[in-house]
Amino acid sequence: MTTSAAGQPLIPQPPSTVAALRQAVSQIAPAALPAFTRELDQAADQSRQGSDLAPLQRFIAQWAVYVHIQRQPGVAADFRRWEDGAKTGDAAQVRRAASEIGRILDEAHAALGLPTR
C-alpha cells in the first residue's frame, strides 16, 4: 500500500490485539517482525513467570504506538530523523530531538487512549 495524495495513513489503526498488530507490522514494517516476535515471547514468558498480565499489556501498548507511527509515512520519517539526530548531534540538538521524539510518542499515546509519560 502507499499513501494517498492527501497523506492518508497506509492502513487503518488496527485493534490492540497481538494478532491484529502482527498483521499490521507485516504490512507496514515487515523488517520489524523478528523484533515483534522476540518481544512477544519475552513478554509472554515474563507474564507466565510472574502470573501478571502487565508485561503483555506493555508489549501491546508499545506495538500499538509503533504501528500508529509507522502507518503514517510522514510521521515515521520525522521520528527516524529525530532518532538519528539524537545519536549524532551536539547537546542542544540531542535535547531538541528528545523533545520531538517525546512529542510524537505523546501524540500517539493520546490518539490511542493510552497514558502519556
N, C-alpha and C. Protein backbone atom coordinates (compact mmCIF):
# COMPACT_ATOMS: atom_id res chain seq x y z
N MET A 1 0.83 -1.18 0.00
CA MET A 1 0.00 0.00 0.00
C MET A 1 0.88 1.24 0.00
N THR A 2 0.33 2.30 -0.53
CA THR A 2 1.03 3.59 -0.49
C THR A 2 0.08 4.62 0.08
N THR A 3 0.63 5.78 0.38
CA THR A 3 -0.23 6.83 0.89
C THR A 3 -0.95 7.49 -0.27
N SER A 4 -2.10 8.06 0.04
CA SER A 4 -2.84 8.81 -0.97
C SER A 4 -2.21 10.18 -1.10
N ALA A 5 -2.68 10.92 -2.08
CA ALA A 5 -2.18 12.27 -2.29
C ALA A 5 -2.44 13.15 -1.07
N ALA A 6 -3.47 12.82 -0.31
CA ALA A 6 -3.81 13.60 0.87
C ALA A 6 -2.97 13.19 2.09
N GLY A 7 -2.04 12.26 1.91
CA GLY A 7 -1.20 11.84 3.02
C GLY A 7 -1.91 10.98 4.04
N GLN A 8 -2.87 10.23 3.60
CA GLN A 8 -3.61 9.34 4.50
C GLN A 8 -2.71 8.22 4.99
N PRO A 9 -3.03 7.65 6.15
CA PRO A 9 -2.24 6.51 6.65
C PRO A 9 -2.26 5.34 5.67
N LEU A 10 -1.20 4.55 5.74
CA LEU A 10 -1.10 3.37 4.87
C LEU A 10 -2.21 2.37 5.15
N ILE A 11 -2.54 2.19 6.43
CA ILE A 11 -3.59 1.27 6.85
C ILE A 11 -4.35 1.91 8.00
N PRO A 12 -5.57 1.47 8.26
CA PRO A 12 -6.26 1.96 9.47
C PRO A 12 -5.55 1.46 10.72
N GLN A 13 -5.71 2.17 11.81
CA GLN A 13 -5.13 1.69 13.08
C GLN A 13 -5.85 0.40 13.45
N PRO A 14 -5.10 -0.68 13.64
CA PRO A 14 -5.74 -1.95 13.99
C PRO A 14 -6.14 -1.98 15.45
N PRO A 15 -7.00 -2.93 15.81
CA PRO A 15 -7.29 -3.13 17.23
C PRO A 15 -6.01 -3.50 17.97
N SER A 16 -5.98 -3.23 19.24
CA SER A 16 -4.79 -3.52 20.05
C SER A 16 -4.82 -4.96 20.54
N THR A 17 -4.69 -5.87 19.58
CA THR A 17 -4.55 -7.29 19.88
C THR A 17 -3.27 -7.78 19.23
N VAL A 18 -2.72 -8.84 19.76
CA VAL A 18 -1.47 -9.38 19.22
C VAL A 18 -1.64 -9.74 17.75
N ALA A 19 -2.70 -10.42 17.41
CA ALA A 19 -2.90 -10.85 16.02
C ALA A 19 -3.04 -9.66 15.07
N ALA A 20 -3.83 -8.67 15.45
CA ALA A 20 -4.04 -7.51 14.59
C ALA A 20 -2.75 -6.69 14.45
N LEU A 21 -2.01 -6.54 15.53
CA LEU A 21 -0.76 -5.79 15.47
C LEU A 21 0.28 -6.53 14.64
N ARG A 22 0.34 -7.86 14.79
CA ARG A 22 1.27 -8.65 13.97
C ARG A 22 0.95 -8.47 12.48
N GLN A 23 -0.31 -8.53 12.14
CA GLN A 23 -0.71 -8.35 10.75
C GLN A 23 -0.33 -6.96 10.25
N ALA A 24 -0.55 -5.94 11.07
CA ALA A 24 -0.21 -4.57 10.68
C ALA A 24 1.29 -4.43 10.48
N VAL A 25 2.07 -4.96 11.40
CA VAL A 25 3.53 -4.88 11.27
C VAL A 25 3.98 -5.59 10.00
N SER A 26 3.38 -6.73 9.69
CA SER A 26 3.76 -7.46 8.47
C SER A 26 3.46 -6.65 7.22
N GLN A 27 2.45 -5.79 7.28
CA GLN A 27 2.09 -4.97 6.12
C GLN A 27 2.95 -3.72 5.99
N ILE A 28 3.19 -3.03 7.10
CA ILE A 28 3.83 -1.71 7.00
C ILE A 28 5.31 -1.70 7.38
N ALA A 29 5.77 -2.72 8.10
CA ALA A 29 7.18 -2.76 8.53
C ALA A 29 7.64 -4.20 8.69
N PRO A 30 7.63 -4.97 7.61
CA PRO A 30 7.95 -6.40 7.73
C PRO A 30 9.33 -6.67 8.35
N ALA A 31 10.26 -5.75 8.21
CA ALA A 31 11.58 -5.95 8.81
C ALA A 31 11.52 -5.95 10.34
N ALA A 32 10.43 -5.43 10.91
CA ALA A 32 10.28 -5.38 12.37
C ALA A 32 9.65 -6.65 12.94
N LEU A 33 9.20 -7.56 12.09
CA LEU A 33 8.55 -8.78 12.58
C LEU A 33 9.43 -9.63 13.51
N PRO A 34 10.72 -9.80 13.24
CA PRO A 34 11.53 -10.57 14.19
C PRO A 34 11.56 -9.92 15.58
N ALA A 35 11.66 -8.60 15.64
CA ALA A 35 11.64 -7.92 16.94
C ALA A 35 10.29 -8.08 17.61
N PHE A 36 9.21 -7.98 16.83
CA PHE A 36 7.86 -8.16 17.37
C PHE A 36 7.75 -9.55 18.02
N THR A 37 8.17 -10.57 17.29
CA THR A 37 8.08 -11.95 17.79
C THR A 37 8.95 -12.16 19.02
N ARG A 38 10.18 -11.67 18.98
CA ARG A 38 11.09 -11.81 20.11
C ARG A 38 10.52 -11.12 21.35
N GLU A 39 10.03 -9.90 21.19
CA GLU A 39 9.49 -9.15 22.33
C GLU A 39 8.19 -9.77 22.84
N LEU A 40 7.37 -10.31 21.95
CA LEU A 40 6.16 -11.01 22.37
C LEU A 40 6.53 -12.23 23.22
N ASP A 41 7.50 -13.01 22.76
CA ASP A 41 7.94 -14.18 23.52
C ASP A 41 8.44 -13.77 24.90
N GLN A 42 9.22 -12.71 24.97
CA GLN A 42 9.74 -12.23 26.26
C GLN A 42 8.60 -11.79 27.17
N ALA A 43 7.65 -11.04 26.63
CA ALA A 43 6.52 -10.56 27.43
C ALA A 43 5.67 -11.73 27.93
N ALA A 44 5.45 -12.72 27.07
CA ALA A 44 4.67 -13.89 27.47
C ALA A 44 5.39 -14.66 28.58
N ASP A 45 6.71 -14.82 28.43
CA ASP A 45 7.48 -15.51 29.47
C ASP A 45 7.41 -14.76 30.80
N GLN A 46 7.59 -13.45 30.75
CA GLN A 46 7.52 -12.64 31.98
C GLN A 46 6.15 -12.72 32.61
N SER A 47 5.12 -12.71 31.79
CA SER A 47 3.75 -12.79 32.32
C SER A 47 3.51 -14.13 32.99
N ARG A 48 3.99 -15.21 32.36
CA ARG A 48 3.83 -16.54 32.96
C ARG A 48 4.61 -16.65 34.27
N GLN A 49 5.84 -16.20 34.26
CA GLN A 49 6.69 -16.32 35.44
C GLN A 49 6.14 -15.52 36.62
N GLY A 50 5.60 -14.36 36.34
CA GLY A 50 5.10 -13.51 37.41
C GLY A 50 3.61 -13.60 37.63
N SER A 51 2.94 -14.46 36.87
CA SER A 51 1.47 -14.54 36.94
C SER A 51 0.85 -13.15 36.90
N ASP A 52 1.32 -12.36 35.92
CA ASP A 52 0.93 -10.96 35.82
C ASP A 52 0.79 -10.61 34.34
N LEU A 53 -0.29 -9.96 33.98
CA LEU A 53 -0.50 -9.59 32.59
C LEU A 53 0.19 -8.30 32.19
N ALA A 54 0.79 -7.59 33.14
CA ALA A 54 1.40 -6.29 32.84
C ALA A 54 2.43 -6.35 31.72
N PRO A 55 3.32 -7.34 31.67
CA PRO A 55 4.28 -7.38 30.55
C PRO A 55 3.60 -7.48 29.18
N LEU A 56 2.55 -8.28 29.10
CA LEU A 56 1.82 -8.38 27.82
C LEU A 56 1.08 -7.09 27.50
N GLN A 57 0.54 -6.44 28.51
CA GLN A 57 -0.14 -5.17 28.30
C GLN A 57 0.84 -4.10 27.81
N ARG A 58 2.03 -4.08 28.39
CA ARG A 58 3.06 -3.13 27.94
C ARG A 58 3.48 -3.43 26.50
N PHE A 59 3.64 -4.70 26.19
CA PHE A 59 4.00 -5.11 24.83
C PHE A 59 2.96 -4.61 23.83
N ILE A 60 1.70 -4.85 24.13
CA ILE A 60 0.63 -4.44 23.21
C ILE A 60 0.60 -2.93 23.06
N ALA A 61 0.72 -2.19 24.15
CA ALA A 61 0.72 -0.73 24.08
C ALA A 61 1.91 -0.23 23.26
N GLN A 62 3.08 -0.79 23.51
CA GLN A 62 4.29 -0.37 22.78
C GLN A 62 4.14 -0.59 21.28
N TRP A 63 3.62 -1.75 20.90
CA TRP A 63 3.50 -2.05 19.47
C TRP A 63 2.31 -1.33 18.83
N ALA A 64 1.29 -1.03 19.59
CA ALA A 64 0.20 -0.21 19.05
C ALA A 64 0.71 1.18 18.73
N VAL A 65 1.56 1.73 19.59
CA VAL A 65 2.18 3.04 19.34
C VAL A 65 3.09 2.95 18.12
N TYR A 66 3.89 1.91 18.04
CA TYR A 66 4.78 1.72 16.90
C TYR A 66 3.98 1.71 15.59
N VAL A 67 2.92 0.92 15.57
CA VAL A 67 2.09 0.83 14.36
C VAL A 67 1.45 2.18 14.06
N HIS A 68 0.96 2.86 15.10
CA HIS A 68 0.34 4.17 14.89
C HIS A 68 1.31 5.12 14.18
N ILE A 69 2.56 5.10 14.59
CA ILE A 69 3.57 5.98 13.97
C ILE A 69 3.94 5.48 12.58
N GLN A 70 4.24 4.21 12.43
CA GLN A 70 4.74 3.67 11.17
C GLN A 70 3.70 3.67 10.05
N ARG A 71 2.43 3.66 10.39
CA ARG A 71 1.41 3.65 9.33
C ARG A 71 1.25 5.03 8.70
N GLN A 72 1.90 6.04 9.28
CA GLN A 72 1.88 7.41 8.77
C GLN A 72 3.29 7.75 8.27
N PRO A 73 3.56 7.59 6.98
CA PRO A 73 4.93 7.75 6.49
C PRO A 73 5.61 9.06 6.87
N GLY A 74 4.88 10.16 6.86
CA GLY A 74 5.49 11.44 7.23
C GLY A 74 5.91 11.47 8.69
N VAL A 75 5.05 10.98 9.56
CA VAL A 75 5.37 10.93 10.99
C VAL A 75 6.52 9.96 11.24
N ALA A 76 6.48 8.81 10.57
CA ALA A 76 7.54 7.83 10.73
C ALA A 76 8.89 8.40 10.27
N ALA A 77 8.89 9.14 9.16
CA ALA A 77 10.13 9.75 8.67
C ALA A 77 10.65 10.79 9.66
N ASP A 78 9.74 11.59 10.20
CA ASP A 78 10.15 12.57 11.21
C ASP A 78 10.75 11.87 12.43
N PHE A 79 10.09 10.82 12.88
CA PHE A 79 10.56 10.08 14.05
C PHE A 79 11.98 9.54 13.81
N ARG A 80 12.20 8.92 12.64
CA ARG A 80 13.53 8.40 12.32
C ARG A 80 14.56 9.52 12.24
N ARG A 81 14.18 10.65 11.65
CA ARG A 81 15.10 11.78 11.54
C ARG A 81 15.50 12.28 12.92
N TRP A 82 14.53 12.39 13.84
CA TRP A 82 14.84 12.84 15.20
C TRP A 82 15.68 11.80 15.94
N GLU A 83 15.39 10.51 15.72
CA GLU A 83 16.23 9.47 16.35
C GLU A 83 17.67 9.58 15.87
N ASP A 84 17.85 9.77 14.57
CA ASP A 84 19.20 9.93 14.03
C ASP A 84 19.87 11.17 14.60
N GLY A 85 19.12 12.26 14.72
CA GLY A 85 19.66 13.49 15.29
C GLY A 85 20.07 13.33 16.74
N ALA A 86 19.34 12.51 17.46
CA ALA A 86 19.68 12.28 18.86
C ALA A 86 20.99 11.51 19.00
N LYS A 87 21.34 10.75 18.00
CA LYS A 87 22.56 9.94 18.05
C LYS A 87 23.81 10.71 17.65
N THR A 88 23.63 11.71 16.79
CA THR A 88 24.81 12.34 16.20
C THR A 88 24.97 13.81 16.52
N GLY A 89 24.01 14.41 17.17
CA GLY A 89 24.06 15.85 17.37
C GLY A 89 24.81 16.29 18.60
N ASP A 90 24.94 17.61 18.71
CA ASP A 90 25.51 18.18 19.92
C ASP A 90 24.43 18.18 21.01
N ALA A 91 24.78 18.65 22.18
CA ALA A 91 23.86 18.57 23.32
C ALA A 91 22.53 19.26 23.04
N ALA A 92 22.57 20.43 22.43
CA ALA A 92 21.33 21.15 22.13
C ALA A 92 20.48 20.38 21.13
N GLN A 93 21.12 19.80 20.13
CA GLN A 93 20.39 19.03 19.13
C GLN A 93 19.80 17.77 19.76
N VAL A 94 20.53 17.14 20.65
CA VAL A 94 20.04 15.93 21.31
C VAL A 94 18.81 16.28 22.16
N ARG A 95 18.87 17.40 22.88
CA ARG A 95 17.70 17.83 23.68
C ARG A 95 16.50 18.10 22.79
N ARG A 96 16.72 18.77 21.68
CA ARG A 96 15.62 19.07 20.74
C ARG A 96 15.05 17.77 20.17
N ALA A 97 15.93 16.85 19.79
CA ALA A 97 15.48 15.57 19.25
C ALA A 97 14.68 14.80 20.29
N ALA A 98 15.15 14.78 21.54
CA ALA A 98 14.43 14.08 22.60
C ALA A 98 13.06 14.70 22.81
N SER A 99 13.00 16.01 22.75
CA SER A 99 11.71 16.70 22.91
C SER A 99 10.75 16.33 21.78
N GLU A 100 11.24 16.32 20.55
CA GLU A 100 10.39 16.00 19.40
C GLU A 100 9.96 14.54 19.41
N ILE A 101 10.87 13.64 19.78
CA ILE A 101 10.51 12.22 19.89
C ILE A 101 9.43 12.06 20.96
N GLY A 102 9.60 12.73 22.08
CA GLY A 102 8.60 12.69 23.14
C GLY A 102 7.25 13.20 22.68
N ARG A 103 7.27 14.29 21.90
CA ARG A 103 6.02 14.85 21.38
C ARG A 103 5.30 13.86 20.48
N ILE A 104 6.06 13.22 19.58
CA ILE A 104 5.46 12.24 18.67
C ILE A 104 4.88 11.06 19.46
N LEU A 105 5.64 10.59 20.43
CA LEU A 105 5.15 9.48 21.25
C LEU A 105 3.92 9.88 22.06
N ASP A 106 3.94 11.08 22.63
CA ASP A 106 2.78 11.56 23.39
C ASP A 106 1.54 11.65 22.51
N GLU A 107 1.71 12.16 21.29
CA GLU A 107 0.58 12.26 20.36
C GLU A 107 0.05 10.87 20.01
N ALA A 108 0.93 9.92 19.81
CA ALA A 108 0.49 8.55 19.51
C ALA A 108 -0.24 7.95 20.69
N HIS A 109 0.30 8.13 21.90
CA HIS A 109 -0.38 7.62 23.10
C HIS A 109 -1.77 8.24 23.24
N ALA A 110 -1.85 9.54 23.05
CA ALA A 110 -3.15 10.22 23.18
C ALA A 110 -4.13 9.72 22.13
N ALA A 111 -3.67 9.54 20.89
CA ALA A 111 -4.54 9.08 19.82
C ALA A 111 -5.08 7.68 20.10
N LEU A 112 -4.30 6.89 20.84
CA LEU A 112 -4.71 5.52 21.16
C LEU A 112 -5.42 5.40 22.50
N GLY A 113 -5.52 6.52 23.21
CA GLY A 113 -6.17 6.50 24.51
C GLY A 113 -5.30 5.87 25.59
N LEU A 114 -3.98 5.93 25.38
CA LEU A 114 -3.04 5.39 26.36
C LEU A 114 -2.49 6.52 27.22
N PRO A 115 -2.08 6.22 28.43
CA PRO A 115 -1.47 7.26 29.25
C PRO A 115 -0.16 7.72 28.64
N THR A 116 0.14 9.01 28.80
CA THR A 116 1.41 9.53 28.31
C THR A 116 2.45 9.40 29.41
N ARG A 117 3.66 9.79 29.08
CA ARG A 117 4.76 9.64 30.03
C ARG A 117 4.46 10.25 31.35
